[in-house]
């Protein structure tokens, strides 16, 4: 089964109950989804329990290793947010 990697914007909208696209919701529910721990870092929610809120939705975590992070140095700087790179 293929799982979807959710972008921080989608995770945020999901937690806020603001995803109006029913097909999107059904696809995530059917295929499952993973969320990067970077999404927790990126979100500025007034919640000390954002990780628990994400897990409560049934999402799994994308495991990022130091080797993944190290590849950032090999990429050029496109803008100030290091997590929004192509």
C-alpha atoms as a PDB file:
ATOM      1  CA  UNK A   1       0.000   0.000   0.000  1.00  0.00           C
ATOM      2  CA  UNK A   2       1.290   3.435  -0.910  1.00  0.00           C
ATOM      3  CA  UNK A   3       1.315   6.037   1.830  1.00  0.00           C
ATOM      4  CA  UNK A   4       1.269   9.757   1.187  1.00  0.00           C
ATOM      5  CA  UNK A   5       3.835  12.183   2.609  1.00  0.00           C
ATOM      6  CA  UNK A   6       1.840  15.158   3.834  1.00  0.00           C
ATOM      7  CA  UNK A   7       3.161  18.683   3.462  1.00  0.00           C
ATOM      8  CA  UNK A   8       3.045  20.862   6.573  1.00  0.00           C
ATOM      9  CA  UNK A   9       0.255  22.987   5.084  1.00  0.00           C
ATOM     10  CA  UNK A  10      -1.915  19.896   4.606  1.00  0.00           C
ATOM     11  CA  UNK A  11      -1.176  18.651   8.145  1.00  0.00           C
ATOM     12  CA  UNK A  12      -2.071  22.047   9.585  1.00  0.00           C
ATOM     13  CA  UNK A  13      -5.317  22.275   7.589  1.00  0.00           C
ATOM     14  CA  UNK A  14      -6.166  18.680   8.560  1.00  0.00           C
ATOM     15  CA  UNK A  15      -5.700  19.432  12.260  1.00  0.00           C
ATOM     16  CA  UNK A  16      -7.802  22.583  11.932  1.00  0.00           C
ATOM     17  CA  UNK A  17     -10.558  20.675  10.096  1.00  0.00           C
ATOM     18  CA  UNK A  18     -10.197  22.957   7.093  1.00  0.00           C
ATOM     19  CA  UNK A  19      -9.729  20.497   4.230  1.00  0.00           C
ATOM     20  CA  UNK A  20     -12.810  20.999   2.075  1.00  0.00           C
ATOM     21  CA  UNK A  21     -11.707  18.645  -0.699  1.00  0.00           C
ATOM     22  CA  UNK A  22     -13.511  15.423   0.213  1.00  0.00           C
ATOM     23  CA  UNK A  23     -11.518  13.417  -2.353  1.00  0.00           C
ATOM     24  CA  UNK A  24      -8.298  14.495  -0.641  1.00  0.00           C
ATOM     25  CA  UNK A  25      -9.587  13.415   2.767  1.00  0.00           C
ATOM     26  CA  UNK A  26     -10.783  10.073   1.426  1.00  0.00           C
ATOM     27  CA  UNK A  27      -7.470   9.421  -0.317  1.00  0.00           C
ATOM     28  CA  UNK A  28      -5.476  10.114   2.856  1.00  0.00           C
ATOM     29  CA  UNK A  29      -7.781   7.885   4.859  1.00  0.00           C
ATOM     30  CA  UNK A  30      -7.628   5.076   2.283  1.00  0.00           C
ATOM     31  CA  UNK A  31      -3.903   5.132   1.522  1.00  0.00           C
ATOM     32  CA  UNK A  32      -2.540   6.236   4.879  1.00  0.00           C
ATOM     33  CA  UNK A  33      -0.088   9.057   5.384  1.00  0.00           C
ATOM     34  CA  UNK A  34       3.248   9.871   6.941  1.00  0.00           C
ATOM     35  CA  UNK A  35       4.289  13.178   8.436  1.00  0.00           C
ATOM     36  CA  UNK A  36       7.807  14.497   8.809  1.00  0.00           C
ATOM     37  CA  UNK A  37       8.855  15.606  12.265  1.00  0.00           C
ATOM     38  CA  UNK A  38       9.933  18.784  10.492  1.00  0.00           C
ATOM     39  CA  UNK A  39       6.233  19.633  10.199  1.00  0.00           C
ATOM     40  CA  UNK A  40       6.073  19.955  13.978  1.00  0.00           C
ATOM     41  CA  UNK A  41       9.059  22.292  13.825  1.00  0.00           C
ATOM     42  CA  UNK A  42       7.491  24.390  11.074  1.00  0.00           C
ATOM     43  CA  UNK A  43       4.091  24.826  12.655  1.00  0.00           C
ATOM     44  CA  UNK A  44       3.491  27.726  14.926  1.00  0.00           C
ATOM     45  CA  UNK A  45       0.465  26.339  16.712  1.00  0.00           C
ATOM     46  CA  UNK A  46      -0.173  27.421  20.270  1.00  0.00           C
ATOM     47  CA  UNK A  47      -0.031  23.783  21.293  1.00  0.00           C
ATOM     48  CA  UNK A  48       2.611  22.018  23.326  1.00  0.00           C
ATOM     49  CA  UNK A  49       1.159  18.716  22.143  1.00  0.00           C
ATOM     50  CA  UNK A  50       1.261  19.025  18.352  1.00  0.00           C
ATOM     51  CA  UNK A  51       3.067  15.680  17.952  1.00  0.00           C
ATOM     52  CA  UNK A  52       0.334  13.923  19.916  1.00  0.00           C
ATOM     53  CA  UNK A  53      -2.346  15.685  17.863  1.00  0.00           C
ATOM     54  CA  UNK A  54      -0.727  14.454  14.644  1.00  0.00           C
ATOM     55  CA  UNK A  55      -0.423  10.880  15.938  1.00  0.00           C
ATOM     56  CA  UNK A  56      -4.056  10.952  17.068  1.00  0.00           C
ATOM     57  CA  UNK A  57      -5.022  11.362  13.404  1.00  0.00           C
ATOM     58  CA  UNK A  58      -3.419   7.996  12.659  1.00  0.00           C
ATOM     59  CA  UNK A  59      -0.487   9.426  10.730  1.00  0.00           C
ATOM     60  CA  UNK A  60       2.944   7.845  10.950  1.00  0.00           C
ATOM     61  CA  UNK A  61       6.283   9.658  11.182  1.00  0.00           C
ATOM     62  CA  UNK A  62       8.783  10.030   8.377  1.00  0.00           C
ATOM     63  CA  UNK A  63      12.125   9.079   9.882  1.00  0.00           C
ATOM     64  CA  UNK A  64      14.800  11.569   8.894  1.00  0.00           C
ATOM     65  CA  UNK A  65      18.367  10.489   9.566  1.00  0.00           C
ATOM     66  CA  UNK A  66      21.476  12.642   9.958  1.00  0.00           C
ATOM     67  CA  UNK A  67      22.443  11.457   6.472  1.00  0.00           C
ATOM     68  CA  UNK A  68      19.277  12.969   5.040  1.00  0.00           C
ATOM     69  CA  UNK A  69      19.991  16.239   6.829  1.00  0.00           C
ATOM     70  CA  UNK A  70      23.576  16.240   5.599  1.00  0.00           C
ATOM     71  CA  UNK A  71      22.429  16.351   1.970  1.00  0.00           C
ATOM     72  CA  UNK A  72      21.054  19.838   2.624  1.00  0.00           C
ATOM     73  CA  UNK A  73      24.629  21.097   2.476  1.00  0.00           C
ATOM     74  CA  UNK A  74      24.948  19.778  -1.065  1.00  0.00           C
ATOM     75  CA  UNK A  75      22.005  21.846  -2.296  1.00  0.00           C
ATOM     76  CA  UNK A  76      22.058  25.500  -3.156  1.00  0.00           C
ATOM     77  CA  UNK A  77      20.231  28.052  -1.026  1.00  0.00           C
ATOM     78  CA  UNK A  78      16.969  28.964  -2.751  1.00  0.00           C
ATOM     79  CA  UNK A  79      15.346  30.936   0.038  1.00  0.00           C
ATOM     80  CA  UNK A  80      15.404  31.306   3.799  1.00  0.00           C
ATOM     81  CA  UNK A  81      13.209  28.316   4.700  1.00  0.00           C
ATOM     82  CA  UNK A  82      15.505  25.262   4.565  1.00  0.00           C
ATOM     83  CA  UNK A  83      12.548  22.872   4.573  1.00  0.00           C
ATOM     84  CA  UNK A  84      10.935  24.190   1.386  1.00  0.00           C
ATOM     85  CA  UNK A  85      13.455  22.979  -1.157  1.00  0.00           C
ATOM     86  CA  UNK A  86      12.822  21.153  -4.409  1.00  0.00           C
END
